[in-house]
């Protein structure tokens, strides 16, 4: 695998277990009626068509978005909607960055070329948001206002500023010696992609460790089924099926490995070899100390032991954490939800 710090933000990266990270731009959409008292249900199909037409005709570089990359979920019961609530929300994914590759300088060295490309992509994303945010959409005589933002989980620079401010001003519960993050949290990847084939459909510690150890040396790892549908789930809840996705928490030995891995994961989706499905996961850094309690207890106890005993204890603690993680992954009871017709 190529060095992470030299990977252009518009290129895909093949990792272990037949998985690949593919570039994306994610936009979070919020749709409000121009008149707050409007009570007419919005037509998702008309809204999608209006947005795709705008992307094709109103930008400096026309963008064609496949239907599956534009998700719209309307507010089902407008009688329960508060005056300032949106009538719909959703996500837009843009995955074609070929036009940026055409502008790359042929004679530039790799480091300079990478910085230029990162700046071009950042400026282009800002341009898209500025063009779309605040536009009015007229659907059958009813006007709606569109709000557009790039979520922080897809903005690496905002996340970096967050953890710098956190450790400078809000270092809650952490020791004074820990001034940098080292743990990444990923939600929304298919459990079967991290399962052992022909053994179980549940995510496996072994497979997950194999995948993420390619990014750097791992100190701690936890993987478990994630039944939380999140804020973007359909509010009717009729199509929720437990166990389809998993949550992965990985702690790296070195800050630089954490930094490079998060930067590569941010702004990308995951794809499995032989599958057309793209898992539009959410990634962030751990500010709650997922592994902190167990590691802190181990360090405090080791400080009261001879060197040889302390090393043995740390080794046993590490095995104990892996065992607990396996229990979390393999013995989480699966809830069942009936799928509505």
C-alpha atoms as a PDB file:
ATOM      1  CA  UNK A   1       0.000   0.000   0.000  1.00  0.00           C
ATOM      2  CA  UNK A   2       1.330   3.437  -0.932  1.00  0.00           C
ATOM      3  CA  UNK A   3       2.306   5.881   1.878  1.00  0.00           C
ATOM      4  CA  UNK A   4      -0.833   7.532   3.228  1.00  0.00           C
ATOM      5  CA  UNK A   5       0.711  10.993   3.440  1.00  0.00           C
ATOM      6  CA  UNK A   6       1.338  11.016  -0.327  1.00  0.00           C
ATOM      7  CA  UNK A   7      -2.144   9.856  -1.391  1.00  0.00           C
ATOM      8  CA  UNK A   8      -4.036  12.491  -3.444  1.00  0.00           C
ATOM      9  CA  UNK A   9      -7.530  13.207  -2.030  1.00  0.00           C
ATOM     10  CA  UNK A  10      -9.147  12.361  -5.380  1.00  0.00           C
ATOM     11  CA  UNK A  11      -7.638   8.874  -5.734  1.00  0.00           C
ATOM     12  CA  UNK A  12      -8.915   5.528  -4.460  1.00  0.00           C
ATOM     13  CA  UNK A  13      -6.923   3.364  -2.053  1.00  0.00           C
ATOM     14  CA  UNK A  14      -7.015  -0.424  -2.008  1.00  0.00           C
ATOM     15  CA  UNK A  15      -6.701  -1.950   1.465  1.00  0.00           C
ATOM     16  CA  UNK A  16      -6.940  -5.481   2.874  1.00  0.00           C
ATOM     17  CA  UNK A  17      -9.749  -8.050   2.535  1.00  0.00           C
ATOM     18  CA  UNK A  18     -10.818  -6.889  -0.929  1.00  0.00           C
ATOM     19  CA  UNK A  19     -11.832  -3.456   0.376  1.00  0.00           C
ATOM     20  CA  UNK A  20     -11.220  -0.124  -1.293  1.00  0.00           C
ATOM     21  CA  UNK A  21     -11.625   3.496  -0.199  1.00  0.00           C
ATOM     22  CA  UNK A  22     -13.107   5.705  -2.921  1.00  0.00           C
ATOM     23  CA  UNK A  23     -13.256   9.538  -2.879  1.00  0.00           C
ATOM     24  CA  UNK A  24     -16.512  11.345  -2.261  1.00  0.00           C
ATOM     25  CA  UNK A  25     -17.917  14.727  -1.397  1.00  0.00           C
ATOM     26  CA  UNK A  26     -20.867  14.593   0.986  1.00  0.00           C
ATOM     27  CA  UNK A  27     -23.337  17.434   1.365  1.00  0.00           C
ATOM     28  CA  UNK A  28     -26.053  17.536   4.014  1.00  0.00           C
ATOM     29  CA  UNK A  29     -29.280  19.032   2.672  1.00  0.00           C
ATOM     30  CA  UNK A  30     -32.083  20.705   4.621  1.00  0.00           C
ATOM     31  CA  UNK A  31     -35.259  21.866   2.863  1.00  0.00           C
ATOM     32  CA  UNK A  32     -37.562  24.464   4.430  1.00  0.00           C
ATOM     33  CA  UNK A  33     -40.671  26.029   2.900  1.00  0.00           C
ATOM     34  CA  UNK A  34     -40.224  29.672   1.930  1.00  0.00           C
ATOM     35  CA  UNK A  35     -43.485  30.245   3.791  1.00  0.00           C
ATOM     36  CA  UNK A  36     -43.223  28.558   7.244  1.00  0.00           C
ATOM     37  CA  UNK A  37     -46.969  27.867   7.375  1.00  0.00           C
ATOM     38  CA  UNK A  38     -46.884  25.686   4.239  1.00  0.00           C
ATOM     39  CA  UNK A  39     -48.575  22.342   4.856  1.00  0.00           C
ATOM     40  CA  UNK A  40     -48.370  20.630   1.479  1.00  0.00           C
ATOM     41  CA  UNK A  41     -46.229  17.446   1.550  1.00  0.00           C
ATOM     42  CA  UNK A  42     -43.112  17.753  -0.584  1.00  0.00           C
ATOM     43  CA  UNK A  43     -42.668  15.486  -3.602  1.00  0.00           C
ATOM     44  CA  UNK A  44     -39.270  13.762  -3.246  1.00  0.00           C
ATOM     45  CA  UNK A  45     -39.100  12.904  -6.950  1.00  0.00           C
ATOM     46  CA  UNK A  46     -39.704  16.493  -8.056  1.00  0.00           C
ATOM     47  CA  UNK A  47     -37.177  17.749  -5.527  1.00  0.00           C
ATOM     48  CA  UNK A  48     -34.542  15.305  -6.761  1.00  0.00           C
ATOM     49  CA  UNK A  49     -35.159  16.332 -10.370  1.00  0.00           C
ATOM     50  CA  UNK A  50     -34.858  20.039  -9.486  1.00  0.00           C
ATOM     51  CA  UNK A  51     -31.552  19.435  -7.693  1.00  0.00           C
ATOM     52  CA  UNK A  52     -30.028  17.268 -10.414  1.00  0.00           C
ATOM     53  CA  UNK A  53     -31.051  19.825 -13.064  1.00  0.00           C
ATOM     54  CA  UNK A  54     -29.372  22.564 -11.034  1.00  0.00           C
ATOM     55  CA  UNK A  55     -26.120  20.587 -10.810  1.00  0.00           C
ATOM     56  CA  UNK A  56     -26.131  20.010 -14.575  1.00  0.00           C
ATOM     57  CA  UNK A  57     -26.898  23.572 -15.634  1.00  0.00           C
ATOM     58  CA  UNK A  58     -25.807  26.069 -12.962  1.00  0.00           C
ATOM     59  CA  UNK A  59     -22.195  25.183 -12.141  1.00  0.00           C
ATOM     60  CA  UNK A  60     -18.922  26.003 -13.897  1.00  0.00           C
ATOM     61  CA  UNK A  61     -18.366  22.253 -14.318  1.00  0.00           C
ATOM     62  CA  UNK A  62     -21.625  20.318 -14.948  1.00  0.00           C
ATOM     63  CA  UNK A  63     -22.170  17.468 -12.496  1.00  0.00           C
ATOM     64  CA  UNK A  64     -24.253  14.375 -13.182  1.00  0.00           C
ATOM     65  CA  UNK A  65     -25.384  12.614 -10.016  1.00  0.00           C
ATOM     66  CA  UNK A  66     -26.831   9.066 -10.148  1.00  0.00           C
ATOM     67  CA  UNK A  67     -30.183   8.618  -8.454  1.00  0.00           C
ATOM     68  CA  UNK A  68     -28.696   6.483  -5.664  1.00  0.00           C
ATOM     69  CA  UNK A  69     -26.312   9.307  -4.679  1.00  0.00           C
ATOM     70  CA  UNK A  70     -29.112  11.737  -3.834  1.00  0.00           C
ATOM     71  CA  UNK A  71     -31.087  10.777  -0.720  1.00  0.00           C
ATOM     72  CA  UNK A  72     -34.189  12.750   0.264  1.00  0.00           C
ATOM     73  CA  UNK A  73     -36.382  11.967   3.277  1.00  0.00           C
ATOM     74  CA  UNK A  74     -39.465  14.073   3.785  1.00  0.00           C
ATOM     75  CA  UNK A  75     -41.193  14.880   7.055  1.00  0.00           C
ATOM     76  CA  UNK A  76     -43.976  12.290   7.024  1.00  0.00           C
ATOM     77  CA  UNK A  77     -46.559  13.922   9.271  1.00  0.00           C
ATOM     78  CA  UNK A  78     -46.711  17.677   8.667  1.00  0.00           C
ATOM     79  CA  UNK A  79     -49.340  18.042  11.423  1.00  0.00           C
ATOM     80  CA  UNK A  80     -46.626  17.202  13.963  1.00  0.00           C
ATOM     81  CA  UNK A  81     -44.109  19.533  12.342  1.00  0.00           C
ATOM     82  CA  UNK A  82     -43.174  22.671  14.244  1.00  0.00           C
ATOM     83  CA  UNK A  83     -43.268  25.978  12.430  1.00  0.00           C
ATOM     84  CA  UNK A  84     -39.489  26.220  11.922  1.00  0.00           C
ATOM     85  CA  UNK A  85     -38.885  22.532  11.220  1.00  0.00           C
ATOM     86  CA  UNK A  86     -37.741  21.481   7.735  1.00  0.00           C
ATOM     87  CA  UNK A  87     -40.117  19.573   5.482  1.00  0.00           C
ATOM     88  CA  UNK A  88     -37.313  17.316   4.238  1.00  0.00           C
ATOM     89  CA  UNK A  89     -33.625  16.572   4.639  1.00  0.00           C
ATOM     90  CA  UNK A  90     -31.095  14.355   2.947  1.00  0.00           C
ATOM     91  CA  UNK A  91     -27.606  13.806   1.579  1.00  0.00           C
ATOM     92  CA  UNK A  92     -25.936  14.402  -1.756  1.00  0.00           C
ATOM     93  CA  UNK A  93     -22.807  12.469  -2.753  1.00  0.00           C
ATOM     94  CA  UNK A  94     -20.487  13.638  -5.526  1.00  0.00           C
ATOM     95  CA  UNK A  95     -17.870  11.083  -6.569  1.00  0.00           C
ATOM     96  CA  UNK A  96     -16.504  12.224  -9.934  1.00  0.00           C
ATOM     97  CA  UNK A  97     -13.348  14.373  -9.600  1.00  0.00           C
ATOM     98  CA  UNK A  98     -11.846  13.646 -12.995  1.00  0.00           C
ATOM     99  CA  UNK A  99     -11.849  17.318 -13.994  1.00  0.00           C
ATOM    100  CA  UNK A 100      -9.409  18.079 -11.154  1.00  0.00           C
ATOM    101  CA  UNK A 101      -6.933  15.484 -12.422  1.00  0.00           C
ATOM    102  CA  UNK A 102      -6.825  17.275 -15.774  1.00  0.00           C
ATOM    103  CA  UNK A 103      -5.545  20.438 -14.097  1.00  0.00           C
ATOM    104  CA  UNK A 104      -2.589  18.794 -12.326  1.00  0.00           C
ATOM    105  CA  UNK A 105       0.781  20.185 -13.301  1.00  0.00           C
ATOM    106  CA  UNK A 106       2.953  17.797 -15.266  1.00  0.00           C
ATOM    107  CA  UNK A 107       6.354  19.050 -14.086  1.00  0.00           C
ATOM    108  CA  UNK A 108       5.558  19.669 -10.415  1.00  0.00           C
ATOM    109  CA  UNK A 109       7.194  17.510  -7.772  1.00  0.00           C
ATOM    110  CA  UNK A 110       4.919  15.099  -5.911  1.00  0.00           C
ATOM    111  CA  UNK A 111       4.718  17.079  -2.664  1.00  0.00           C
ATOM    112  CA  UNK A 112       3.914  20.377  -4.400  1.00  0.00           C
ATOM    113  CA  UNK A 113       1.421  18.692  -6.711  1.00  0.00           C
ATOM    114  CA  UNK A 114      -0.353  17.107  -3.733  1.00  0.00           C
ATOM    115  CA  UNK A 115      -0.692  20.444  -1.913  1.00  0.00           C
ATOM    116  CA  UNK A 116      -2.000  22.131  -5.052  1.00  0.00           C
ATOM    117  CA  UNK A 117      -4.569  19.385  -5.600  1.00  0.00           C
ATOM    118  CA  UNK A 118      -5.723  19.535  -1.961  1.00  0.00           C
ATOM    119  CA  UNK A 119      -6.166  23.306  -2.271  1.00  0.00           C
ATOM    120  CA  UNK A 120      -8.087  22.941  -5.547  1.00  0.00           C
ATOM    121  CA  UNK A 121     -10.411  20.340  -4.054  1.00  0.00           C
ATOM    122  CA  UNK A 122     -11.002  22.449  -0.934  1.00  0.00           C
ATOM    123  CA  UNK A 123     -11.796  25.542  -3.027  1.00  0.00           C
ATOM    124  CA  UNK A 124     -14.092  23.532  -5.296  1.00  0.00           C
ATOM    125  CA  UNK A 125     -16.041  22.154  -2.336  1.00  0.00           C
ATOM    126  CA  UNK A 126     -16.505  25.680  -0.960  1.00  0.00           C
ATOM    127  CA  UNK A 127     -17.697  26.800  -4.391  1.00  0.00           C
ATOM    128  CA  UNK A 128     -20.317  24.026  -4.562  1.00  0.00           C
ATOM    129  CA  UNK A 129     -21.664  24.887  -1.109  1.00  0.00           C
ATOM    130  CA  UNK A 130     -21.804  28.610  -1.904  1.00  0.00           C
ATOM    131  CA  UNK A 131     -23.674  27.976  -5.164  1.00  0.00           C
ATOM    132  CA  UNK A 132     -26.247  25.614  -3.637  1.00  0.00           C
ATOM    133  CA  UNK A 133     -26.790  27.042  -0.154  1.00  0.00           C
ATOM    134  CA  UNK A 134     -29.803  29.337   0.017  1.00  0.00           C
ATOM    135  CA  UNK A 135     -31.240  28.666  -3.456  1.00  0.00           C
ATOM    136  CA  UNK A 136     -35.008  28.596  -3.926  1.00  0.00           C
ATOM    137  CA  UNK A 137     -36.736  25.647  -5.528  1.00  0.00           C
ATOM    138  CA  UNK A 138     -40.200  26.077  -7.047  1.00  0.00           C
ATOM    139  CA  UNK A 139     -42.165  22.831  -6.942  1.00  0.00           C
ATOM    140  CA  UNK A 140     -45.694  23.128  -8.377  1.00  0.00           C
ATOM    141  CA  UNK A 141     -46.045  26.717  -7.250  1.00  0.00           C
ATOM    142  CA  UNK A 142     -44.667  26.137  -3.742  1.00  0.00           C
ATOM    143  CA  UNK A 143     -41.246  27.634  -2.999  1.00  0.00           C
ATOM    144  CA  UNK A 144     -38.666  25.924  -0.817  1.00  0.00           C
ATOM    145  CA  UNK A 145     -35.313  27.117   0.471  1.00  0.00           C
ATOM    146  CA  UNK A 146     -32.315  24.800   0.416  1.00  0.00           C
ATOM    147  CA  UNK A 147     -29.595  24.816   3.096  1.00  0.00           C
ATOM    148  CA  UNK A 148     -26.344  22.993   2.322  1.00  0.00           C
ATOM    149  CA  UNK A 149     -23.337  22.180   4.510  1.00  0.00           C
ATOM    150  CA  UNK A 150     -20.422  19.778   4.467  1.00  0.00           C
ATOM    151  CA  UNK A 151     -20.752  17.670   7.649  1.00  0.00           C
ATOM    152  CA  UNK A 152     -17.807  17.879  10.027  1.00  0.00           C
ATOM    153  CA  UNK A 153     -17.250  14.119   9.643  1.00  0.00           C
ATOM    154  CA  UNK A 154     -16.257  14.870   6.024  1.00  0.00           C
ATOM    155  CA  UNK A 155     -14.124  17.923   6.802  1.00  0.00           C
ATOM    156  CA  UNK A 156     -10.696  16.855   8.051  1.00  0.00           C
ATOM    157  CA  UNK A 157      -9.439  20.377   8.764  1.00  0.00           C
ATOM    158  CA  UNK A 158     -12.434  21.137  10.994  1.00  0.00           C
ATOM    159  CA  UNK A 159     -11.886  17.893  12.910  1.00  0.00           C
ATOM    160  CA  UNK A 160      -8.198  18.723  13.343  1.00  0.00           C
ATOM    161  CA  UNK A 161      -9.071  22.164  14.736  1.00  0.00           C
ATOM    162  CA  UNK A 162     -11.602  20.511  17.049  1.00  0.00           C
ATOM    163  CA  UNK A 163      -9.085  18.206  18.680  1.00  0.00           C
ATOM    164  CA  UNK A 164      -6.456  20.964  18.917  1.00  0.00           C
ATOM    165  CA  UNK A 165      -8.967  23.149  20.777  1.00  0.00           C
ATOM    166  CA  UNK A 166     -10.111  20.187  22.866  1.00  0.00           C
ATOM    167  CA  UNK A 167      -6.636  19.408  24.164  1.00  0.00           C
ATOM    168  CA  UNK A 168      -5.821  23.082  24.601  1.00  0.00           C
ATOM    169  CA  UNK A 169      -8.969  24.111  26.489  1.00  0.00           C
ATOM    170  CA  UNK A 170     -11.232  21.143  27.237  1.00  0.00           C
ATOM    171  CA  UNK A 171      -9.050  18.181  28.159  1.00  0.00           C
ATOM    172  CA  UNK A 172     -11.785  16.488  30.188  1.00  0.00           C
ATOM    173  CA  UNK A 173     -10.595  13.566  32.245  1.00  0.00           C
ATOM    174  CA  UNK A 174      -7.321  13.037  30.417  1.00  0.00           C
ATOM    175  CA  UNK A 175      -3.888  13.017  32.000  1.00  0.00           C
ATOM    176  CA  UNK A 176      -1.682  16.041  31.398  1.00  0.00           C
ATOM    177  CA  UNK A 177       0.722  13.922  29.403  1.00  0.00           C
ATOM    178  CA  UNK A 178      -1.873  13.039  26.756  1.00  0.00           C
ATOM    179  CA  UNK A 179      -2.090  16.033  24.435  1.00  0.00           C
ATOM    180  CA  UNK A 180      -2.911  14.332  21.133  1.00  0.00           C
ATOM    181  CA  UNK A 181      -5.726  12.031  19.977  1.00  0.00           C
ATOM    182  CA  UNK A 182      -4.952   8.483  18.855  1.00  0.00           C
ATOM    183  CA  UNK A 183      -8.338   6.784  18.386  1.00  0.00           C
ATOM    184  CA  UNK A 184     -10.671   6.703  15.381  1.00  0.00           C
ATOM    185  CA  UNK A 185     -14.384   5.796  15.434  1.00  0.00           C
ATOM    186  CA  UNK A 186     -16.066   4.506  12.259  1.00  0.00           C
ATOM    187  CA  UNK A 187     -19.803   3.868  11.949  1.00  0.00           C
ATOM    188  CA  UNK A 188     -21.897   2.622   9.056  1.00  0.00           C
ATOM    189  CA  UNK A 189     -19.754  -0.057   7.398  1.00  0.00           C
ATOM    190  CA  UNK A 190     -21.429  -3.388   6.532  1.00  0.00           C
ATOM    191  CA  UNK A 191     -20.841  -6.065   9.175  1.00  0.00           C
ATOM    192  CA  UNK A 192     -20.442  -8.778   6.537  1.00  0.00           C
ATOM    193  CA  UNK A 193     -17.398  -6.990   5.061  1.00  0.00           C
ATOM    194  CA  UNK A 194     -15.578  -7.505   8.362  1.00  0.00           C
ATOM    195  CA  UNK A 195     -16.873 -11.021   9.048  1.00  0.00           C
ATOM    196  CA  UNK A 196     -15.046 -14.310   8.574  1.00  0.00           C
ATOM    197  CA  UNK A 197     -16.479 -15.970   5.428  1.00  0.00           C
ATOM    198  CA  UNK A 198     -18.461 -19.163   6.040  1.00  0.00           C
ATOM    199  CA  UNK A 199     -18.066 -18.683   9.799  1.00  0.00           C
ATOM    200  CA  UNK A 200     -20.399 -15.840  10.808  1.00  0.00           C
ATOM    201  CA  UNK A 201     -22.115 -12.763   9.431  1.00  0.00           C
ATOM    202  CA  UNK A 202     -21.021 -10.807  12.504  1.00  0.00           C
ATOM    203  CA  UNK A 203     -17.916  -8.601  12.407  1.00  0.00           C
ATOM    204  CA  UNK A 204     -14.701 -10.368  13.377  1.00  0.00           C
ATOM    205  CA  UNK A 205     -11.875  -8.943  15.490  1.00  0.00           C
ATOM    206  CA  UNK A 206      -9.346 -10.864  13.402  1.00  0.00           C
ATOM    207  CA  UNK A 207     -10.572  -9.540  10.061  1.00  0.00           C
ATOM    208  CA  UNK A 208     -10.953  -5.994  11.400  1.00  0.00           C
ATOM    209  CA  UNK A 209      -7.439  -6.059  12.851  1.00  0.00           C
ATOM    210  CA  UNK A 210      -6.047  -7.322   9.539  1.00  0.00           C
ATOM    211  CA  UNK A 211      -7.706  -4.455   7.663  1.00  0.00           C
ATOM    212  CA  UNK A 212      -6.720  -1.612   9.972  1.00  0.00           C
ATOM    213  CA  UNK A 213      -3.219  -2.796  10.856  1.00  0.00           C
ATOM    214  CA  UNK A 214      -2.264  -1.857   7.288  1.00  0.00           C
ATOM    215  CA  UNK A 215      -2.620   1.781   8.359  1.00  0.00           C
ATOM    216  CA  UNK A 216      -0.300   1.459  11.353  1.00  0.00           C
ATOM    217  CA  UNK A 217       0.458  -0.355  14.589  1.00  0.00           C
ATOM    218  CA  UNK A 218      -2.706  -0.847  16.658  1.00  0.00           C
ATOM    219  CA  UNK A 219      -2.781  -0.521  20.442  1.00  0.00           C
ATOM    220  CA  UNK A 220      -6.466  -1.331  20.998  1.00  0.00           C
ATOM    221  CA  UNK A 221      -9.381  -2.394  18.829  1.00  0.00           C
ATOM    222  CA  UNK A 222     -13.107  -2.878  19.318  1.00  0.00           C
ATOM    223  CA  UNK A 223     -15.745  -3.914  16.789  1.00  0.00           C
ATOM    224  CA  UNK A 224     -19.421  -4.612  17.403  1.00  0.00           C
ATOM    225  CA  UNK A 225     -22.745  -4.565  15.611  1.00  0.00           C
ATOM    226  CA  UNK A 226     -24.260  -1.102  15.570  1.00  0.00           C
ATOM    227  CA  UNK A 227     -28.053  -0.959  15.763  1.00  0.00           C
ATOM    228  CA  UNK A 228     -28.241   2.840  16.127  1.00  0.00           C
ATOM    229  CA  UNK A 229     -29.834   4.089  12.882  1.00  0.00           C
ATOM    230  CA  UNK A 230     -28.518   7.601  13.483  1.00  0.00           C
ATOM    231  CA  UNK A 231     -30.104  10.932  12.683  1.00  0.00           C
ATOM    232  CA  UNK A 232     -30.362  10.181   8.968  1.00  0.00           C
ATOM    233  CA  UNK A 233     -32.563   7.111   9.383  1.00  0.00           C
ATOM    234  CA  UNK A 234     -36.120   7.023   8.116  1.00  0.00           C
ATOM    235  CA  UNK A 235     -38.268   8.294  10.984  1.00  0.00           C
ATOM    236  CA  UNK A 236     -40.924   5.657  10.303  1.00  0.00           C
ATOM    237  CA  UNK A 237     -38.395   3.029  11.363  1.00  0.00           C
ATOM    238  CA  UNK A 238     -40.075   0.328   9.338  1.00  0.00           C
ATOM    239  CA  UNK A 239     -37.029  -0.606   7.288  1.00  0.00           C
ATOM    240  CA  UNK A 240     -34.507  -0.969  10.118  1.00  0.00           C
ATOM    241  CA  UNK A 241     -32.853  -4.371  10.317  1.00  0.00           C
ATOM    242  CA  UNK A 242     -30.454  -5.085  13.154  1.00  0.00           C
ATOM    243  CA  UNK A 243     -26.888  -6.225  12.611  1.00  0.00           C
ATOM    244  CA  UNK A 244     -26.374  -4.905   9.091  1.00  0.00           C
ATOM    245  CA  UNK A 245     -23.731  -2.378  10.115  1.00  0.00           C
ATOM    246  CA  UNK A 246     -20.947  -2.266  12.654  1.00  0.00           C
ATOM    247  CA  UNK A 247     -19.044   0.288  14.671  1.00  0.00           C
ATOM    248  CA  UNK A 248     -15.243   0.107  14.769  1.00  0.00           C
ATOM    249  CA  UNK A 249     -13.022   1.846  17.320  1.00  0.00           C
ATOM    250  CA  UNK A 250      -9.284   1.639  16.621  1.00  0.00           C
ATOM    251  CA  UNK A 251      -6.495   3.125  18.712  1.00  0.00           C
ATOM    252  CA  UNK A 252      -3.056   3.556  17.127  1.00  0.00           C
ATOM    253  CA  UNK A 253       0.328   3.465  18.820  1.00  0.00           C
ATOM    254  CA  UNK A 254       1.507   6.697  17.187  1.00  0.00           C
ATOM    255  CA  UNK A 255      -0.192  10.016  16.612  1.00  0.00           C
ATOM    256  CA  UNK A 256       1.131  10.253  13.049  1.00  0.00           C
ATOM    257  CA  UNK A 257      -0.514   6.956  12.124  1.00  0.00           C
ATOM    258  CA  UNK A 258      -3.786   8.162  13.633  1.00  0.00           C
ATOM    259  CA  UNK A 259      -3.477  11.470  11.752  1.00  0.00           C
ATOM    260  CA  UNK A 260      -2.742   9.949   8.335  1.00  0.00           C
ATOM    261  CA  UNK A 261      -5.431   7.272   8.705  1.00  0.00           C
ATOM    262  CA  UNK A 262      -8.157   9.733   9.682  1.00  0.00           C
ATOM    263  CA  UNK A 263      -7.185  12.039   6.823  1.00  0.00           C
ATOM    264  CA  UNK A 264      -7.465   9.179   4.314  1.00  0.00           C
ATOM    265  CA  UNK A 265     -10.769   7.885   5.749  1.00  0.00           C
ATOM    266  CA  UNK A 266     -12.294  11.370   5.793  1.00  0.00           C
ATOM    267  CA  UNK A 267     -13.988  12.230   2.502  1.00  0.00           C
ATOM    268  CA  UNK A 268     -14.112   8.644   1.241  1.00  0.00           C
ATOM    269  CA  UNK A 269     -16.557   5.744   1.065  1.00  0.00           C
ATOM    270  CA  UNK A 270     -15.821   2.026   1.317  1.00  0.00           C
ATOM    271  CA  UNK A 271     -16.412  -0.497  -1.431  1.00  0.00           C
ATOM    272  CA  UNK A 272     -16.012  -4.279  -1.536  1.00  0.00           C
ATOM    273  CA  UNK A 273     -14.477  -6.047  -4.507  1.00  0.00           C
ATOM    274  CA  UNK A 274     -17.244  -7.455  -6.698  1.00  0.00           C
ATOM    275  CA  UNK A 275     -19.923  -5.224  -5.151  1.00  0.00           C
ATOM    276  CA  UNK A 276     -21.447  -2.013  -6.508  1.00  0.00           C
ATOM    277  CA  UNK A 277     -22.505  -0.940  -3.013  1.00  0.00           C
ATOM    278  CA  UNK A 278     -20.649   2.024  -1.554  1.00  0.00           C
ATOM    279  CA  UNK A 279     -20.713   2.269   2.243  1.00  0.00           C
ATOM    280  CA  UNK A 280     -20.941   5.971   3.056  1.00  0.00           C
ATOM    281  CA  UNK A 281     -19.622   5.589   6.583  1.00  0.00           C
ATOM    282  CA  UNK A 282     -19.142   8.304   9.178  1.00  0.00           C
ATOM    283  CA  UNK A 283     -15.701   8.720  10.728  1.00  0.00           C
ATOM    284  CA  UNK A 284     -14.513  10.870  13.607  1.00  0.00           C
ATOM    285  CA  UNK A 285     -11.945  10.935  16.405  1.00  0.00           C
ATOM    286  CA  UNK A 286     -12.660   9.668  19.908  1.00  0.00           C
ATOM    287  CA  UNK A 287     -12.923  12.463  22.475  1.00  0.00           C
ATOM    288  CA  UNK A 288     -14.673  10.337  25.134  1.00  0.00           C
ATOM    289  CA  UNK A 289     -11.775   8.037  25.970  1.00  0.00           C
ATOM    290  CA  UNK A 290     -13.259   4.726  24.778  1.00  0.00           C
ATOM    291  CA  UNK A 291     -10.123   2.809  25.811  1.00  0.00           C
ATOM    292  CA  UNK A 292      -8.911   5.275  28.419  1.00  0.00           C
ATOM    293  CA  UNK A 293     -10.252   3.645  31.601  1.00  0.00           C
ATOM    294  CA  UNK A 294      -8.751   0.226  30.944  1.00  0.00           C
ATOM    295  CA  UNK A 295      -5.405   1.655  29.866  1.00  0.00           C
ATOM    296  CA  UNK A 296      -5.230   4.102  32.783  1.00  0.00           C
ATOM    297  CA  UNK A 297      -5.938   1.334  35.311  1.00  0.00           C
ATOM    298  CA  UNK A 298      -3.246  -0.827  33.752  1.00  0.00           C
ATOM    299  CA  UNK A 299      -0.673   1.985  33.891  1.00  0.00           C
ATOM    300  CA  UNK A 300      -1.479   2.853  37.517  1.00  0.00           C
ATOM    301  CA  UNK A 301      -1.099  -0.750  38.584  1.00  0.00           C
ATOM    302  CA  UNK A 302       2.124  -1.201  36.589  1.00  0.00           C
ATOM    303  CA  UNK A 303       3.664   1.799  38.371  1.00  0.00           C
ATOM    304  CA  UNK A 304       3.482  -0.147  41.633  1.00  0.00           C
ATOM    305  CA  UNK A 305       5.123  -3.291  40.212  1.00  0.00           C
ATOM    306  CA  UNK A 306       8.685  -4.343  39.380  1.00  0.00           C
ATOM    307  CA  UNK A 307       9.562  -3.855  35.707  1.00  0.00           C
ATOM    308  CA  UNK A 308       9.275  -7.540  34.802  1.00  0.00           C
ATOM    309  CA  UNK A 309       5.899  -7.919  36.506  1.00  0.00           C
ATOM    310  CA  UNK A 310       4.604  -4.700  34.944  1.00  0.00           C
ATOM    311  CA  UNK A 311       5.415  -5.940  31.463  1.00  0.00           C
ATOM    312  CA  UNK A 312       3.669  -9.224  32.161  1.00  0.00           C
ATOM    313  CA  UNK A 313       0.613  -7.384  33.498  1.00  0.00           C
ATOM    314  CA  UNK A 314       0.388  -5.132  30.438  1.00  0.00           C
ATOM    315  CA  UNK A 315       0.550  -8.176  28.199  1.00  0.00           C
ATOM    316  CA  UNK A 316      -2.241  -9.879  30.123  1.00  0.00           C
ATOM    317  CA  UNK A 317      -4.298  -6.668  30.095  1.00  0.00           C
ATOM    318  CA  UNK A 318      -3.932  -6.422  26.334  1.00  0.00           C
ATOM    319  CA  UNK A 319      -5.168  -9.997  25.888  1.00  0.00           C
ATOM    320  CA  UNK A 320      -8.049  -9.304  28.266  1.00  0.00           C
ATOM    321  CA  UNK A 321      -9.108  -6.257  26.217  1.00  0.00           C
ATOM    322  CA  UNK A 322      -9.053  -8.279  23.015  1.00  0.00           C
ATOM    323  CA  UNK A 323     -11.151 -10.979  24.680  1.00  0.00           C
ATOM    324  CA  UNK A 324     -13.690  -8.405  25.840  1.00  0.00           C
ATOM    325  CA  UNK A 325     -13.773  -6.917  22.340  1.00  0.00           C
ATOM    326  CA  UNK A 326     -14.459 -10.343  20.892  1.00  0.00           C
ATOM    327  CA  UNK A 327     -17.364 -10.746  23.271  1.00  0.00           C
ATOM    328  CA  UNK A 328     -18.708  -7.372  22.134  1.00  0.00           C
ATOM    329  CA  UNK A 329     -18.499  -8.419  18.505  1.00  0.00           C
ATOM    330  CA  UNK A 330     -19.642 -12.032  18.730  1.00  0.00           C
ATOM    331  CA  UNK A 331     -22.161 -12.099  21.553  1.00  0.00           C
ATOM    332  CA  UNK A 332     -24.177  -8.931  21.039  1.00  0.00           C
ATOM    333  CA  UNK A 333     -27.783 -10.035  20.981  1.00  0.00           C
ATOM    334  CA  UNK A 334     -29.455  -9.239  17.694  1.00  0.00           C
ATOM    335  CA  UNK A 335     -32.737  -7.381  17.896  1.00  0.00           C
ATOM    336  CA  UNK A 336     -35.232  -8.137  15.217  1.00  0.00           C
ATOM    337  CA  UNK A 337     -37.448  -5.621  13.543  1.00  0.00           C
ATOM    338  CA  UNK A 338     -40.318  -6.491  11.295  1.00  0.00           C
ATOM    339  CA  UNK A 339     -39.978  -4.938   7.875  1.00  0.00           C
ATOM    340  CA  UNK A 340     -43.148  -3.221   6.838  1.00  0.00           C
ATOM    341  CA  UNK A 341     -44.498  -3.998   3.390  1.00  0.00           C
END
